Amino acid sequence: MFAGRIADTGEEATEYVRYAIEAFQDKKDVEILWASTREIYNIVQAINIGTHIITVPNDLLPKLTGLGKNLSDLSQETVQQFRQDAIASGYSI
């Protein structure tokens, strides 16, 4: 199922994928695929509802290292990066 495309319409993709998983749970030869992954949280969603296969574009793979990261640390790193970018561009804060 192209969950990312479903989400692009403003609909909650997990509801549709969950429905497919439940509808085919007795069919041992059917696996439900979450395709069109747009962000790392989509992987978490797909895992949480029991999706069998998740396709992930290569550009998202490096972001997997952020899973479970401390949000306080992430905020500090983000502020530092913004500061460094501002300094490098010649702006002052």
Protein backbone atom coordinates (compact mmCIF):
# COMPACT_ATOMS: atom_id res chain seq x y z
CA MET A 1 0.00 0.00 0.00
CA PHE A 2 1.30 3.42 -0.89
CA ALA A 3 0.91 4.86 2.59
CA GLY A 4 2.84 8.03 1.80
CA ARG A 5 0.52 8.83 -1.06
CA ILE A 6 -2.48 8.19 1.16
CA ALA A 7 -1.02 10.63 3.70
CA ASP A 8 -0.47 13.18 0.93
CA THR A 9 -4.25 13.41 0.63
CA GLY A 10 -4.56 14.36 4.30
CA GLU A 11 -5.81 10.93 5.35
CA GLU A 12 -4.28 8.85 8.14
CA ALA A 13 -2.51 6.05 6.26
CA THR A 14 -2.21 3.76 9.27
CA GLU A 15 -5.98 3.22 9.32
CA TYR A 16 -5.94 1.88 5.76
CA VAL A 17 -2.86 -0.27 6.22
CA ARG A 18 -4.17 -1.67 9.51
CA TYR A 19 -7.44 -2.54 7.76
CA ALA A 20 -5.51 -4.47 5.08
CA ILE A 21 -3.44 -6.30 7.70
CA GLU A 22 -6.58 -7.35 9.56
CA ALA A 23 -8.49 -8.25 6.37
CA PHE A 24 -5.74 -10.62 5.23
CA GLN A 25 -4.53 -11.95 8.58
CA ASP A 26 -5.87 -15.43 7.82
CA LYS A 27 -4.12 -15.55 4.43
CA LYS A 28 -0.66 -16.88 5.21
CA ASP A 29 0.56 -16.20 1.67
CA VAL A 30 -0.26 -12.45 1.82
CA GLU A 31 2.03 -9.84 3.29
CA ILE A 32 1.17 -6.16 3.54
CA LEU A 33 3.77 -3.71 2.30
CA TRP A 34 4.05 -0.08 3.50
CA ALA A 35 5.41 1.81 0.51
CA SER A 36 6.10 5.45 -0.26
CA THR A 37 7.67 6.11 3.14
CA ARG A 38 8.16 9.85 3.58
CA GLU A 39 9.71 10.19 7.04
CA ILE A 40 11.25 8.12 9.80
CA TYR A 41 8.05 8.30 11.85
CA ASN A 42 6.31 6.37 9.06
CA ILE A 43 8.63 3.45 9.84
CA VAL A 44 7.61 3.61 13.50
CA GLN A 45 3.93 3.72 12.46
CA ALA A 46 4.34 0.76 10.12
CA ILE A 47 6.10 -1.31 12.78
CA ASN A 48 3.53 -0.42 15.45
CA ILE A 49 0.61 -1.68 13.37
CA GLY A 50 2.39 -4.87 12.29
CA THR A 51 3.19 -4.14 8.65
CA HIS A 52 5.10 -7.07 7.15
CA ILE A 53 7.36 -5.14 4.73
CA ILE A 54 8.42 -1.47 4.73
CA THR A 55 10.14 0.16 1.78
CA VAL A 56 12.42 3.05 2.70
CA PRO A 57 14.16 5.39 0.24
CA ASN A 58 17.94 5.54 0.53
CA ASP A 59 17.92 9.20 1.58
CA LEU A 60 16.00 8.31 4.77
CA LEU A 61 18.30 5.51 5.90
CA PRO A 62 20.93 7.78 7.55
CA LYS A 63 18.16 9.37 9.63
CA LEU A 64 17.45 6.03 11.32
CA THR A 65 20.29 6.83 13.73
CA GLY A 66 18.02 9.45 15.28
CA LEU A 67 15.46 6.90 16.47
CA GLY A 68 15.18 7.10 20.24
CA LYS A 69 17.46 10.11 20.48
CA ASN A 70 17.07 12.27 23.58
CA LEU A 71 14.91 15.24 22.53
CA SER A 72 16.73 17.66 24.83
CA ASP A 73 20.06 16.73 23.22
CA LEU A 74 18.49 17.02 19.76
CA SER A 75 17.17 20.50 20.60
CA GLN A 76 20.60 21.63 21.78
CA GLU A 77 22.26 20.28 18.63
CA THR A 78 19.65 21.99 16.45
CA VAL A 79 20.17 25.36 18.15
CA GLN A 80 23.93 25.00 17.77
CA GLN A 81 23.57 24.16 14.07
CA PHE A 82 21.34 27.19 13.47
CA ARG A 83 23.90 29.37 15.28
CA GLN A 84 26.78 27.97 13.22
CA ASP A 85 24.82 28.50 9.99
CA ALA A 86 24.02 32.11 10.98
CA ILE A 87 27.69 32.83 11.77
CA ALA A 88 28.84 31.21 8.53
CA SER A 89 26.39 33.32 6.53
CA GLY A 90 27.62 36.55 8.10
CA TYR A 91 24.54 37.23 10.21
CA SER A 92 24.81 37.92 13.91
CA ILE A 93 22.40 36.95 16.61
